[in-house]
Amino acid sequence: MFYDSNINIINFLQKPNNEYKYKKLEKSVIFWNHYQYLINAVSDMFTYENLPKEIRPEFLEFFLNSEGGAGFGKAGSDKFVVCVGGRAGNVDPYGIGTYFTGAYPSDSYGRGTLTGSIDKDVVFIQNNQTATPDPYIWKFAEQLTEIDVSLDVLIKNSRLAKVPIADTEQAKTAIEDAYKKIYTGVSVAVINKKPLEKMLNENTASYEMVDFTDVSSTDRIQHLLKAKEDIYRMFHLIYGHGTSGGYKLAQESKDEVNSNNGISFIYPNIKLKWRKKGVEQINEIFGLDISVDYSESWRIEHDEVLATSDDNVSRETIEENVSRETIEENVKKGESENV
């Protein structure tokens, strides 16, 4: 999604909750619900320290993930801004503009523009090495939306719904009234001119019934739910949380399955690399002391999957130590009892 200015992004992020709260779940609303979850999850991947107080990290991450890059510079003499914009002006040997022009929505100076030479007046922070948005967020939001719509239709169409065919308007009204009472738990009796003995011996219903739904379709709901689970798994796998255990083959060991989870940090490491590069340039040009790293949930997963920190012990090691200690305690206890 590309915006002409930051103002549109601000409006998008700050839409009143009641706009969707009581609205019928149309397809567009379902899509935005999924998109908001996914963009929030990805935007929480990194944490920043010592950012200028006027810079909000959630907007910085939103700009990077949705636009592919953002400009960081000064608005006025003492305030910093971060905004989306374009690289223009004279190009470098690779055809990329060396001048940044962007617009910020509002501050004490009012609406304005951020312009200047890149790496001198403005630092262009990239989302990845190609300075492109994350396409996965939109793709997965679209897929999850289609599954939810299919689930909604399937659930409604698989309800047991017997529709009686009435001969007259009066009979139709009587049947509808009877259904209303039945659904509220009230016993219903109807008048029939046939003798009771004859009615009890007949197997045919008084009214012809039509099936507008197929109850057996409920079996397919589990397949849609599994597909939804798989899409969430693929999304989180791309963004650093390996969950390949759900696909373990019979001939694979647990260690072999877990070792494949290292793939999940290829793209997150790319994103972190370019954020660190941008922060280093900001610190050098503006004399700041900003730092960026994985947030807690990603740091724990990163250290465990890639075993990059001596301070963190893997879950398997902890389980093995606990199991060993338990065995040793039981052995000692048994020896003392024998004595």
C-alpha atoms as a PDB file:
ATOM      1  CA  MET A   1       0.000   0.000   0.000  1.00  0.00           C
ATOM      2  CA  PHE A   2       1.521   3.299  -1.039  1.00  0.00           C
ATOM      3  CA  TYR A   3       0.504   6.659   0.354  1.00  0.00           C
ATOM      4  CA  ASP A   4       0.944  10.087  -1.161  1.00  0.00           C
ATOM      5  CA  SER A   5       1.735  11.573   2.226  1.00  0.00           C
ATOM      6  CA  ASN A   6       2.070  10.741   5.887  1.00  0.00           C
ATOM      7  CA  ILE A   7      -1.345  12.290   6.530  1.00  0.00           C
ATOM      8  CA  ASN A   8      -3.060   9.321   4.914  1.00  0.00           C
ATOM      9  CA  ILE A   9      -1.029   6.943   7.075  1.00  0.00           C
ATOM     10  CA  ILE A  10      -1.919   8.817  10.242  1.00  0.00           C
ATOM     11  CA  ASN A  11      -5.605   8.687   9.339  1.00  0.00           C
ATOM     12  CA  PHE A  12      -5.315   4.989   8.545  1.00  0.00           C
ATOM     13  CA  LEU A  13      -3.728   4.108  11.881  1.00  0.00           C
ATOM     14  CA  GLN A  14      -6.062   6.266  13.932  1.00  0.00           C
ATOM     15  CA  LYS A  15      -9.427   5.259  12.467  1.00  0.00           C
ATOM     16  CA  PRO A  16     -12.098   5.312  15.190  1.00  0.00           C
ATOM     17  CA  ASN A  17     -12.667   1.836  16.579  1.00  0.00           C
ATOM     18  CA  ASN A  18     -16.439   2.208  16.353  1.00  0.00           C
ATOM     19  CA  GLU A  19     -16.148   2.440  12.576  1.00  0.00           C
ATOM     20  CA  TYR A  20     -15.739  -1.358  12.517  1.00  0.00           C
ATOM     21  CA  LYS A  21     -17.004  -2.299  15.960  1.00  0.00           C
ATOM     22  CA  TYR A  22     -20.656  -2.894  15.179  1.00  0.00           C
ATOM     23  CA  LYS A  23     -20.443  -3.068  11.421  1.00  0.00           C
ATOM     24  CA  LYS A  24     -21.443  -6.216   9.606  1.00  0.00           C
ATOM     25  CA  LEU A  25     -18.351  -8.305   8.898  1.00  0.00           C
ATOM     26  CA  GLU A  26     -18.039  -7.524   5.241  1.00  0.00           C
ATOM     27  CA  LYS A  27     -15.091  -8.853   3.309  1.00  0.00           C
ATOM     28  CA  SER A  28     -13.215  -5.547   3.446  1.00  0.00           C
ATOM     29  CA  VAL A  29     -13.579  -5.409   7.235  1.00  0.00           C
ATOM     30  CA  ILE A  30     -12.351  -8.986   7.604  1.00  0.00           C
ATOM     31  CA  PHE A  31      -9.326  -8.084   5.473  1.00  0.00           C
ATOM     32  CA  TRP A  32      -8.446  -5.056   7.596  1.00  0.00           C
ATOM     33  CA  ASN A  33      -8.791  -7.072  10.783  1.00  0.00           C
ATOM     34  CA  HIS A  34      -6.225  -9.570   9.490  1.00  0.00           C
ATOM     35  CA  TYR A  35      -3.995  -6.839   8.112  1.00  0.00           C
ATOM     36  CA  GLN A  36      -3.976  -4.999  11.439  1.00  0.00           C
ATOM     37  CA  TYR A  37      -2.947  -8.166  13.278  1.00  0.00           C
ATOM     38  CA  LEU A  38      -0.150  -8.987  10.827  1.00  0.00           C
ATOM     39  CA  ILE A  39       1.232  -5.435  10.604  1.00  0.00           C
ATOM     40  CA  ASN A  40       1.163  -5.170  14.410  1.00  0.00           C
ATOM     41  CA  ALA A  41       3.030  -8.469  14.733  1.00  0.00           C
ATOM     42  CA  VAL A  42       5.741  -7.468  12.256  1.00  0.00           C
ATOM     43  CA  SER A  43       6.025  -3.925  13.629  1.00  0.00           C
ATOM     44  CA  ASP A  44       6.779  -5.382  17.065  1.00  0.00           C
ATOM     45  CA  MET A  45       9.833  -7.243  15.761  1.00  0.00           C
ATOM     46  CA  PHE A  46      12.305  -4.524  16.740  1.00  0.00           C
ATOM     47  CA  THR A  47      12.823  -2.277  19.718  1.00  0.00           C
ATOM     48  CA  TYR A  48      14.621   1.079  19.726  1.00  0.00           C
ATOM     49  CA  GLU A  49      16.554   2.739  22.516  1.00  0.00           C
ATOM     50  CA  ASN A  50      17.297   6.462  22.908  1.00  0.00           C
ATOM     51  CA  LEU A  51      15.069   7.653  20.089  1.00  0.00           C
ATOM     52  CA  PRO A  52      14.329  11.392  20.226  1.00  0.00           C
ATOM     53  CA  LYS A  53      11.147  11.829  22.258  1.00  0.00           C
ATOM     54  CA  GLU A  54       9.254  13.225  19.256  1.00  0.00           C
ATOM     55  CA  ILE A  55       9.925  10.069  17.192  1.00  0.00           C
ATOM     56  CA  ARG A  56       7.312   7.357  17.730  1.00  0.00           C
ATOM     57  CA  PRO A  57       8.792   3.912  16.957  1.00  0.00           C
ATOM     58  CA  GLU A  58       5.454   2.408  15.916  1.00  0.00           C
ATOM     59  CA  PHE A  59       5.166   4.895  13.067  1.00  0.00           C
ATOM     60  CA  LEU A  60       8.791   4.382  12.079  1.00  0.00           C
ATOM     61  CA  GLU A  61       8.194   0.637  11.807  1.00  0.00           C
ATOM     62  CA  PHE A  62       4.910   1.120   9.967  1.00  0.00           C
ATOM     63  CA  PHE A  63       6.619   3.373   7.424  1.00  0.00           C
ATOM     64  CA  LEU A  64       9.427   0.882   6.886  1.00  0.00           C
ATOM     65  CA  ASN A  65       7.162  -2.174   6.550  1.00  0.00           C
ATOM     66  CA  SER A  66       4.513  -0.535   4.366  1.00  0.00           C
ATOM     67  CA  GLU A  67       6.697   1.792   2.278  1.00  0.00           C
ATOM     68  CA  GLY A  68      10.097   0.138   2.240  1.00  0.00           C
ATOM     69  CA  GLY A  69      11.970   3.116   3.643  1.00  0.00           C
ATOM     70  CA  ALA A  70      11.738   6.373   5.569  1.00  0.00           C
ATOM     71  CA  GLY A  71      13.672   9.597   5.903  1.00  0.00           C
ATOM     72  CA  PHE A  72      15.082  10.772   9.232  1.00  0.00           C
ATOM     73  CA  GLY A  73      16.094  14.384   9.709  1.00  0.00           C
ATOM     74  CA  LYS A  74      15.504  17.661  11.491  1.00  0.00           C
ATOM     75  CA  ALA A  75      12.384  19.799  11.290  1.00  0.00           C
ATOM     76  CA  GLY A  76      13.433  23.233  12.382  1.00  0.00           C
ATOM     77  CA  SER A  77      16.418  23.594  14.645  1.00  0.00           C
ATOM     78  CA  ASP A  78      15.713  21.241  17.503  1.00  0.00           C
ATOM     79  CA  LYS A  79      13.149  18.618  16.484  1.00  0.00           C
ATOM     80  CA  PHE A  80      13.586  15.399  14.580  1.00  0.00           C
ATOM     81  CA  VAL A  81      11.022  13.870  12.240  1.00  0.00           C
ATOM     82  CA  VAL A  82      10.691  10.590  10.393  1.00  0.00           C
ATOM     83  CA  CYS A  83       8.506  10.405   7.296  1.00  0.00           C
ATOM     84  CA  VAL A  84       8.021   8.664   3.982  1.00  0.00           C
ATOM     85  CA  GLY A  85       9.188  10.243   0.786  1.00  0.00           C
ATOM     86  CA  GLY A  86      11.225   9.696  -2.335  1.00  0.00           C
ATOM     87  CA  ARG A  87      14.856   9.673  -3.372  1.00  0.00           C
ATOM     88  CA  ALA A  88      15.396  12.086  -6.231  1.00  0.00           C
ATOM     89  CA  GLY A  89      17.918  14.605  -7.560  1.00  0.00           C
ATOM     90  CA  ASN A  90      21.290  13.549  -8.913  1.00  0.00           C
ATOM     91  CA  VAL A  91      21.690   9.790  -9.028  1.00  0.00           C
ATOM     92  CA  ASP A  92      24.567   7.634  -7.869  1.00  0.00           C
ATOM     93  CA  PRO A  93      26.319   5.067 -10.128  1.00  0.00           C
ATOM     94  CA  TYR A  94      23.423   2.652  -9.493  1.00  0.00           C
ATOM     95  CA  GLY A  95      20.765   5.107 -10.616  1.00  0.00           C
ATOM     96  CA  ILE A  96      19.433   5.873  -7.143  1.00  0.00           C
ATOM     97  CA  GLY A  97      18.657   9.463  -6.195  1.00  0.00           C
ATOM     98  CA  THR A  98      20.929  11.136  -3.668  1.00  0.00           C
ATOM     99  CA  TYR A  99      18.379  13.735  -2.497  1.00  0.00           C
ATOM    100  CA  PHE A 100      15.392  13.055  -0.244  1.00  0.00           C
ATOM    101  CA  THR A 101      12.030  14.821  -0.305  1.00  0.00           C
ATOM    102  CA  GLY A 102       9.310  13.818   2.132  1.00  0.00           C
ATOM    103  CA  ALA A 103       6.311  15.274   3.959  1.00  0.00           C
ATOM    104  CA  TYR A 104       5.494  15.100   7.650  1.00  0.00           C
ATOM    105  CA  PRO A 105       1.875  15.679   8.744  1.00  0.00           C
ATOM    106  CA  SER A 106       1.975  17.895  11.806  1.00  0.00           C
ATOM    107  CA  ASP A 107       4.153  19.200  14.605  1.00  0.00           C
ATOM    108  CA  SER A 108       4.788  22.502  16.389  1.00  0.00           C
ATOM    109  CA  TYR A 109       5.949  23.891  13.052  1.00  0.00           C
ATOM    110  CA  GLY A 110       2.795  22.776  11.264  1.00  0.00           C
ATOM    111  CA  ARG A 111       2.804  20.639   8.162  1.00  0.00           C
ATOM    112  CA  GLY A 112       6.060  20.681   6.330  1.00  0.00           C
ATOM    113  CA  THR A 113       8.577  18.895   4.176  1.00  0.00           C
ATOM    114  CA  LEU A 114      11.801  17.141   4.968  1.00  0.00           C
ATOM    115  CA  THR A 115      14.394  17.674   2.261  1.00  0.00           C
ATOM    116  CA  GLY A 116      18.127  17.364   1.976  1.00  0.00           C
ATOM    117  CA  SER A 117      21.062  15.396   0.701  1.00  0.00           C
ATOM    118  CA  ILE A 118      20.991  11.770   1.780  1.00  0.00           C
ATOM    119  CA  ASP A 119      23.756  10.827   4.247  1.00  0.00           C
ATOM    120  CA  LYS A 120      24.368  14.501   4.928  1.00  0.00           C
ATOM    121  CA  ASP A 121      21.110  16.254   5.856  1.00  0.00           C
ATOM    122  CA  VAL A 122      18.781  13.250   5.847  1.00  0.00           C
ATOM    123  CA  VAL A 123      19.298   9.555   6.563  1.00  0.00           C
ATOM    124  CA  PHE A 124      17.240   7.164   4.468  1.00  0.00           C
ATOM    125  CA  ILE A 125      16.466   4.090   6.591  1.00  0.00           C
ATOM    126  CA  GLN A 126      15.708   0.978   4.543  1.00  0.00           C
ATOM    127  CA  ASN A 127      13.356  -1.856   5.397  1.00  0.00           C
ATOM    128  CA  ASN A 128      15.552  -4.351   3.565  1.00  0.00           C
ATOM    129  CA  GLN A 129      18.385  -4.378   1.053  1.00  0.00           C
ATOM    130  CA  THR A 130      16.057  -3.456  -1.814  1.00  0.00           C
ATOM    131  CA  ALA A 131      14.187  -0.768   0.173  1.00  0.00           C
ATOM    132  CA  THR A 132      10.846  -2.410  -0.619  1.00  0.00           C
ATOM    133  CA  PRO A 133       7.703  -2.960   1.505  1.00  0.00           C
ATOM    134  CA  ASP A 134       6.913  -6.345   2.988  1.00  0.00           C
ATOM    135  CA  PRO A 135       4.573  -7.979   0.445  1.00  0.00           C
ATOM    136  CA  TYR A 136       3.842 -10.946   2.684  1.00  0.00           C
ATOM    137  CA  ILE A 137       1.612  -8.939   4.981  1.00  0.00           C
ATOM    138  CA  TRP A 138      -0.856  -8.130   2.205  1.00  0.00           C
ATOM    139  CA  LYS A 139      -0.701 -11.603   0.671  1.00  0.00           C
ATOM    140  CA  PHE A 140      -1.327 -13.459   3.901  1.00  0.00           C
ATOM    141  CA  ALA A 141      -4.067 -11.024   4.941  1.00  0.00           C
ATOM    142  CA  GLU A 142      -5.790 -11.699   1.625  1.00  0.00           C
ATOM    143  CA  GLN A 143      -5.518 -15.477   2.007  1.00  0.00           C
ATOM    144  CA  LEU A 144      -6.797 -15.414   5.586  1.00  0.00           C
ATOM    145  CA  THR A 145      -9.712 -13.247   4.460  1.00  0.00           C
ATOM    146  CA  GLU A 146     -10.728 -15.725   1.765  1.00  0.00           C
ATOM    147  CA  ILE A 147     -10.635 -18.581   4.261  1.00  0.00           C
ATOM    148  CA  ASP A 148     -12.740 -16.665   6.780  1.00  0.00           C
ATOM    149  CA  VAL A 149     -15.321 -15.817   4.115  1.00  0.00           C
ATOM    150  CA  SER A 150     -15.427 -19.485   3.061  1.00  0.00           C
ATOM    151  CA  LEU A 151     -15.804 -20.559   6.689  1.00  0.00           C
ATOM    152  CA  ASP A 152     -18.655 -18.116   7.224  1.00  0.00           C
ATOM    153  CA  VAL A 153     -20.507 -19.331   4.125  1.00  0.00           C
ATOM    154  CA  LEU A 154     -19.853 -22.997   4.886  1.00  0.00           C
ATOM    155  CA  ILE A 155     -21.019 -22.742   8.499  1.00  0.00           C
ATOM    156  CA  LYS A 156     -24.252 -21.049   7.469  1.00  0.00           C
ATOM    157  CA  ASN A 157     -24.905 -23.430   4.582  1.00  0.00           C
ATOM    158  CA  SER A 158     -24.260 -26.514   6.704  1.00  0.00           C
ATOM    159  CA  ARG A 159     -26.890 -25.730   9.318  1.00  0.00           C
ATOM    160  CA  LEU A 160     -29.718 -28.209   9.637  1.00  0.00           C
ATOM    161  CA  ALA A 161     -32.539 -26.227   8.061  1.00  0.00           C
ATOM    162  CA  LYS A 162     -35.670 -28.135   7.128  1.00  0.00           C
ATOM    163  CA  VAL A 163     -38.033 -25.965   5.131  1.00  0.00           C
ATOM    164  CA  PRO A 164     -41.681 -27.122   5.127  1.00  0.00           C
ATOM    165  CA  ILE A 165     -43.811 -26.429   2.053  1.00  0.00           C
ATOM    166  CA  ALA A 166     -47.173 -24.905   3.090  1.00  0.00           C
ATOM    167  CA  ASP A 167     -50.289 -25.100   0.927  1.00  0.00           C
ATOM    168  CA  THR A 168     -51.798 -21.826   2.107  1.00  0.00           C
ATOM    169  CA  GLU A 169     -50.713 -18.528   3.601  1.00  0.00           C
ATOM    170  CA  GLN A 170     -52.578 -19.467   6.777  1.00  0.00           C
ATOM    171  CA  ALA A 171     -50.667 -22.732   7.050  1.00  0.00           C
ATOM    172  CA  LYS A 172     -47.377 -20.903   6.404  1.00  0.00           C
ATOM    173  CA  THR A 173     -48.108 -18.477   9.248  1.00  0.00           C
ATOM    174  CA  ALA A 174     -49.019 -21.319  11.596  1.00  0.00           C
ATOM    175  CA  ILE A 175     -45.794 -23.194  10.773  1.00  0.00           C
ATOM    176  CA  GLU A 176     -43.658 -20.098  11.300  1.00  0.00           C
ATOM    177  CA  ASP A 177     -45.318 -19.435  14.661  1.00  0.00           C
ATOM    178  CA  ALA A 178     -44.715 -23.039  15.676  1.00  0.00           C
ATOM    179  CA  TYR A 179     -41.025 -22.779  14.780  1.00  0.00           C
ATOM    180  CA  LYS A 180     -40.657 -19.617  16.861  1.00  0.00           C
ATOM    181  CA  LYS A 181     -42.136 -21.387  19.875  1.00  0.00           C
ATOM    182  CA  ILE A 182     -39.982 -24.458  19.351  1.00  0.00           C
ATOM    183  CA  TYR A 183     -36.807 -22.347  19.197  1.00  0.00           C
ATOM    184  CA  THR A 184     -37.734 -20.744  22.519  1.00  0.00           C
ATOM    185  CA  GLY A 185     -38.380 -24.127  24.136  1.00  0.00           C
ATOM    186  CA  VAL A 186     -42.192 -23.968  24.169  1.00  0.00           C
ATOM    187  CA  SER A 187     -44.139 -27.154  23.436  1.00  0.00           C
ATOM    188  CA  VAL A 188     -46.345 -26.935  20.377  1.00  0.00           C
ATOM    189  CA  ALA A 189     -49.529 -28.822  19.481  1.00  0.00           C
ATOM    190  CA  VAL A 190     -51.347 -28.625  16.132  1.00  0.00           C
ATOM    191  CA  ILE A 191     -54.824 -29.578  15.040  1.00  0.00           C
ATOM    192  CA  ASN A 192     -55.217 -32.454  12.608  1.00  0.00           C
ATOM    193  CA  LYS A 193     -58.536 -33.906  11.460  1.00  0.00           C
ATOM    194  CA  LYS A 194     -57.088 -37.404  11.111  1.00  0.00           C
ATOM    195  CA  PRO A 195     -57.734 -39.838  13.980  1.00  0.00           C
ATOM    196  CA  LEU A 196     -54.778 -40.159  16.345  1.00  0.00           C
ATOM    197  CA  GLU A 197     -54.444 -43.901  15.629  1.00  0.00           C
ATOM    198  CA  LYS A 198     -54.083 -43.215  11.897  1.00  0.00           C
ATOM    199  CA  MET A 199     -51.514 -40.471  12.420  1.00  0.00           C
ATOM    200  CA  LEU A 200     -49.359 -42.723  14.632  1.00  0.00           C
ATOM    201  CA  ASN A 201     -49.357 -45.487  12.008  1.00  0.00           C
ATOM    202  CA  GLU A 202     -48.254 -43.158   9.183  1.00  0.00           C
ATOM    203  CA  ASN A 203     -44.593 -42.540   8.419  1.00  0.00           C
ATOM    204  CA  THR A 204     -45.134 -39.538   6.163  1.00  0.00           C
ATOM    205  CA  ALA A 205     -44.886 -35.978   7.435  1.00  0.00           C
ATOM    206  CA  SER A 206     -47.863 -33.686   7.296  1.00  0.00           C
ATOM    207  CA  TYR A 207     -45.918 -31.248   5.129  1.00  0.00           C
ATOM    208  CA  GLU A 208     -43.375 -31.842   2.421  1.00  0.00           C
ATOM    209  CA  MET A 209     -39.868 -30.822   3.601  1.00  0.00           C
ATOM    210  CA  VAL A 210     -37.060 -29.372   1.506  1.00  0.00           C
ATOM    211  CA  ASP A 211     -33.360 -29.327   2.459  1.00  0.00           C
ATOM    212  CA  PHE A 212     -31.835 -25.962   1.638  1.00  0.00           C
ATOM    213  CA  THR A 213     -28.585 -26.849   3.390  1.00  0.00           C
ATOM    214  CA  ASP A 214     -26.181 -29.777   3.572  1.00  0.00           C
ATOM    215  CA  VAL A 215     -25.280 -30.829   7.110  1.00  0.00           C
ATOM    216  CA  SER A 216     -22.516 -33.121   5.859  1.00  0.00           C
ATOM    217  CA  SER A 217     -20.608 -30.036   4.679  1.00  0.00           C
ATOM    218  CA  THR A 218     -19.480 -29.474   8.277  1.00  0.00           C
ATOM    219  CA  ASP A 219     -16.756 -32.065   7.631  1.00  0.00           C
ATOM    220  CA  ARG A 220     -15.012 -29.535   5.407  1.00  0.00           C
ATOM    221  CA  ILE A 221     -14.781 -26.919   8.136  1.00  0.00           C
ATOM    222  CA  GLN A 222     -11.798 -28.691   9.692  1.00  0.00           C
ATOM    223  CA  HIS A 223      -9.921 -28.480   6.379  1.00  0.00           C
ATOM    224  CA  LEU A 224     -10.443 -24.731   6.200  1.00  0.00           C
ATOM    225  CA  LEU A 225      -9.356 -24.323   9.813  1.00  0.00           C
ATOM    226  CA  LYS A 226      -6.224 -26.386   9.089  1.00  0.00           C
ATOM    227  CA  ALA A 227      -5.496 -24.220   6.033  1.00  0.00           C
ATOM    228  CA  LYS A 228      -5.833 -21.100   8.210  1.00  0.00           C
ATOM    229  CA  GLU A 229      -3.466 -22.565  10.769  1.00  0.00           C
ATOM    230  CA  ASP A 230      -0.953 -23.400   8.027  1.00  0.00           C
ATOM    231  CA  ILE A 231      -1.052 -19.852   6.642  1.00  0.00           C
ATOM    232  CA  TYR A 232      -0.400 -18.400  10.098  1.00  0.00           C
ATOM    233  CA  ARG A 233       2.451 -20.890  10.489  1.00  0.00           C
ATOM    234  CA  MET A 234       3.997 -19.871   7.161  1.00  0.00           C
ATOM    235  CA  PHE A 235       3.662 -16.191   8.020  1.00  0.00           C
ATOM    236  CA  HIS A 236       5.393 -16.551  11.370  1.00  0.00           C
ATOM    237  CA  LEU A 237       8.028 -18.842   9.839  1.00  0.00           C
ATOM    238  CA  ILE A 238       8.991 -16.102   7.366  1.00  0.00           C
ATOM    239  CA  TYR A 239       9.237 -13.614  10.214  1.00  0.00           C
ATOM    240  CA  GLY A 240      11.429 -15.622  12.554  1.00  0.00           C
ATOM    241  CA  HIS A 241       9.229 -18.026  14.487  1.00  0.00           C
ATOM    242  CA  GLY A 242       9.869 -21.508  13.141  1.00  0.00           C
ATOM    243  CA  THR A 243       6.914 -23.841  13.596  1.00  0.00           C
ATOM    244  CA  SER A 244       7.893 -26.584  11.186  1.00  0.00           C
ATOM    245  CA  GLY A 245       7.171 -29.236  13.827  1.00  0.00           C
ATOM    246  CA  GLY A 246       3.656 -29.503  12.384  1.00  0.00           C
ATOM    247  CA  TYR A 247       5.164 -30.973   9.221  1.00  0.00           C
ATOM    248  CA  LYS A 248       7.491 -33.500  10.843  1.00  0.00           C
ATOM    249  CA  LEU A 249       8.021 -36.561   8.667  1.00  0.00           C
ATOM    250  CA  ALA A 250       8.187 -40.035  10.156  1.00  0.00           C
ATOM    251  CA  GLN A 251      11.870 -40.454   9.294  1.00  0.00           C
ATOM    252  CA  GLU A 252      12.886 -37.062  10.724  1.00  0.00           C
ATOM    253  CA  SER A 253      14.297 -36.682  14.203  1.00  0.00           C
ATOM    254  CA  LYS A 254      13.313 -33.820  16.496  1.00  0.00           C
ATOM    255  CA  ASP A 255      16.766 -32.263  16.122  1.00  0.00           C
ATOM    256  CA  GLU A 256      16.503 -32.377  12.330  1.00  0.00           C
ATOM    257  CA  VAL A 257      13.145 -30.638  12.417  1.00  0.00           C
ATOM    258  CA  ASN A 258      14.350 -27.936  14.815  1.00  0.00           C
ATOM    259  CA  SER A 259      17.538 -27.347  12.831  1.00  0.00           C
ATOM    260  CA  ASN A 260      15.435 -26.280   9.847  1.00  0.00           C
ATOM    261  CA  ASN A 261      13.978 -23.429  11.891  1.00  0.00           C
ATOM    262  CA  GLY A 262      17.152 -21.452  11.273  1.00  0.00           C
ATOM    263  CA  ILE A 263      15.682 -20.626   7.863  1.00  0.00           C
ATOM    264  CA  SER A 264      13.084 -18.509   9.615  1.00  0.00           C
ATOM    265  CA  PHE A 265      15.657 -15.866  10.577  1.00  0.00           C
ATOM    266  CA  ILE A 266      17.037 -15.213   7.105  1.00  0.00           C
ATOM    267  CA  TYR A 267      14.609 -12.376   6.379  1.00  0.00           C
ATOM    268  CA  PRO A 268      14.414 -10.931   9.948  1.00  0.00           C
ATOM    269  CA  ASN A 269      18.215 -10.713   9.993  1.00  0.00           C
ATOM    270  CA  ILE A 270      18.129  -8.792   6.704  1.00  0.00           C
ATOM    271  CA  LYS A 271      15.605  -6.354   8.184  1.00  0.00           C
ATOM    272  CA  LEU A 272      17.691  -5.903  11.350  1.00  0.00           C
ATOM    273  CA  LYS A 273      20.900  -5.374   9.355  1.00  0.00           C
ATOM    274  CA  TRP A 274      19.466  -2.431   7.405  1.00  0.00           C
ATOM    275  CA  ARG A 275      17.862  -0.853  10.451  1.00  0.00           C
ATOM    276  CA  LYS A 276      21.193  -0.996  12.260  1.00  0.00           C
ATOM    277  CA  LYS A 277      22.896   0.554   9.266  1.00  0.00           C
ATOM    278  CA  GLY A 278      20.371   3.408   9.242  1.00  0.00           C
ATOM    279  CA  VAL A 279      20.708   3.966  12.992  1.00  0.00           C
ATOM    280  CA  GLU A 280      24.517   4.059  12.744  1.00  0.00           C
ATOM    281  CA  GLN A 281      24.280   6.753  10.068  1.00  0.00           C
ATOM    282  CA  ILE A 282      21.825   8.767  12.192  1.00  0.00           C
ATOM    283  CA  ASN A 283      24.131   8.595  15.209  1.00  0.00           C
ATOM    284  CA  GLU A 284      27.125   9.642  13.136  1.00  0.00           C
ATOM    285  CA  ILE A 285      25.426  12.579  11.392  1.00  0.00           C
ATOM    286  CA  PHE A 286      23.275  13.925  14.236  1.00  0.00           C
ATOM    287  CA  GLY A 287      25.370  12.927  17.250  1.00  0.00           C
ATOM    288  CA  LEU A 288      22.700  10.670  18.760  1.00  0.00           C
ATOM    289  CA  ASP A 289      22.996   7.350  20.592  1.00  0.00           C
ATOM    290  CA  ILE A 290      20.113   5.337  19.131  1.00  0.00           C
ATOM    291  CA  SER A 291      20.228   1.541  19.092  1.00  0.00           C
ATOM    292  CA  VAL A 292      17.958  -1.104  17.573  1.00  0.00           C
ATOM    293  CA  ASP A 293      17.657  -4.819  18.217  1.00  0.00           C
ATOM    294  CA  TYR A 294      15.106  -7.608  18.245  1.00  0.00           C
ATOM    295  CA  SER A 295      12.264  -7.238  20.714  1.00  0.00           C
ATOM    296  CA  GLU A 296      11.978  -9.780  23.521  1.00  0.00           C
ATOM    297  CA  SER A 297       9.976 -12.501  21.760  1.00  0.00           C
ATOM    298  CA  TRP A 298      12.187 -12.377  18.664  1.00  0.00           C
ATOM    299  CA  ARG A 299      15.412 -12.196  20.682  1.00  0.00           C
ATOM    300  CA  ILE A 300      14.524 -15.326  22.673  1.00  0.00           C
ATOM    301  CA  GLU A 301      13.583 -17.203  19.511  1.00  0.00           C
ATOM    302  CA  HIS A 302      16.657 -15.951  17.654  1.00  0.00           C
ATOM    303  CA  ASP A 303      19.097 -16.990  20.392  1.00  0.00           C
ATOM    304  CA  GLU A 304      17.482 -20.375  20.826  1.00  0.00           C
ATOM    305  CA  VAL A 305      17.142 -21.273  17.154  1.00  0.00           C
ATOM    306  CA  LEU A 306      20.575 -20.038  16.123  1.00  0.00           C
ATOM    307  CA  ALA A 307      22.318 -20.616  19.483  1.00  0.00           C
ATOM    308  CA  THR A 308      23.952 -17.196  19.283  1.00  0.00           C
ATOM    309  CA  SER A 309      23.963 -16.288  22.972  1.00  0.00           C
ATOM    310  CA  ASP A 310      25.806 -17.974  25.834  1.00  0.00           C
ATOM    311  CA  ASP A 311      23.385 -16.372  28.269  1.00  0.00           C
ATOM    312  CA  ASN A 312      20.418 -18.305  26.884  1.00  0.00           C
ATOM    313  CA  VAL A 313      19.973 -22.026  27.313  1.00  0.00           C
ATOM    314  CA  SER A 314      17.776 -23.961  24.905  1.00  0.00           C
ATOM    315  CA  ARG A 315      14.521 -25.531  26.036  1.00  0.00           C
ATOM    316  CA  GLU A 316      15.900 -29.002  25.208  1.00  0.00           C
ATOM    317  CA  THR A 317      18.932 -28.443  27.467  1.00  0.00           C
ATOM    318  CA  ILE A 318      16.725 -27.261  30.331  1.00  0.00           C
ATOM    319  CA  GLU A 319      14.438 -30.278  29.926  1.00  0.00           C
ATOM    320  CA  GLU A 320      17.425 -32.649  29.841  1.00  0.00           C
ATOM    321  CA  ASN A 321      18.928 -31.091  32.987  1.00  0.00           C
ATOM    322  CA  VAL A 322      15.627 -31.271  34.865  1.00  0.00           C
ATOM    323  CA  SER A 323      15.126 -34.878  33.796  1.00  0.00           C
ATOM    324  CA  ARG A 324      18.687 -35.819  34.845  1.00  0.00           C
ATOM    325  CA  GLU A 325      18.295 -34.106  38.221  1.00  0.00           C
ATOM    326  CA  THR A 326      14.989 -35.880  38.807  1.00  0.00           C
ATOM    327  CA  ILE A 327      16.551 -39.257  38.054  1.00  0.00           C
ATOM    328  CA  GLU A 328      19.510 -38.562  40.366  1.00  0.00           C
ATOM    329  CA  GLU A 329      17.175 -37.493  43.163  1.00  0.00           C
ATOM    330  CA  ASN A 330      15.071 -40.649  42.756  1.00  0.00           C
ATOM    331  CA  VAL A 331      18.205 -42.823  42.811  1.00  0.00           C
ATOM    332  CA  LYS A 332      19.470 -41.140  45.978  1.00  0.00           C
ATOM    333  CA  LYS A 333      16.063 -41.463  47.554  1.00  0.00           C
ATOM    334  CA  GLY A 334      15.916 -45.140  46.728  1.00  0.00           C
ATOM    335  CA  GLU A 335      19.400 -45.757  48.152  1.00  0.00           C
ATOM    336  CA  SER A 336      18.557 -43.984  51.384  1.00  0.00           C
ATOM    337  CA  GLU A 337      15.364 -45.996  51.764  1.00  0.00           C
ATOM    338  CA  ASN A 338      17.282 -49.258  51.234  1.00  0.00           C
ATOM    339  CA  VAL A 339      19.758 -48.269  53.916  1.00  0.00           C
END
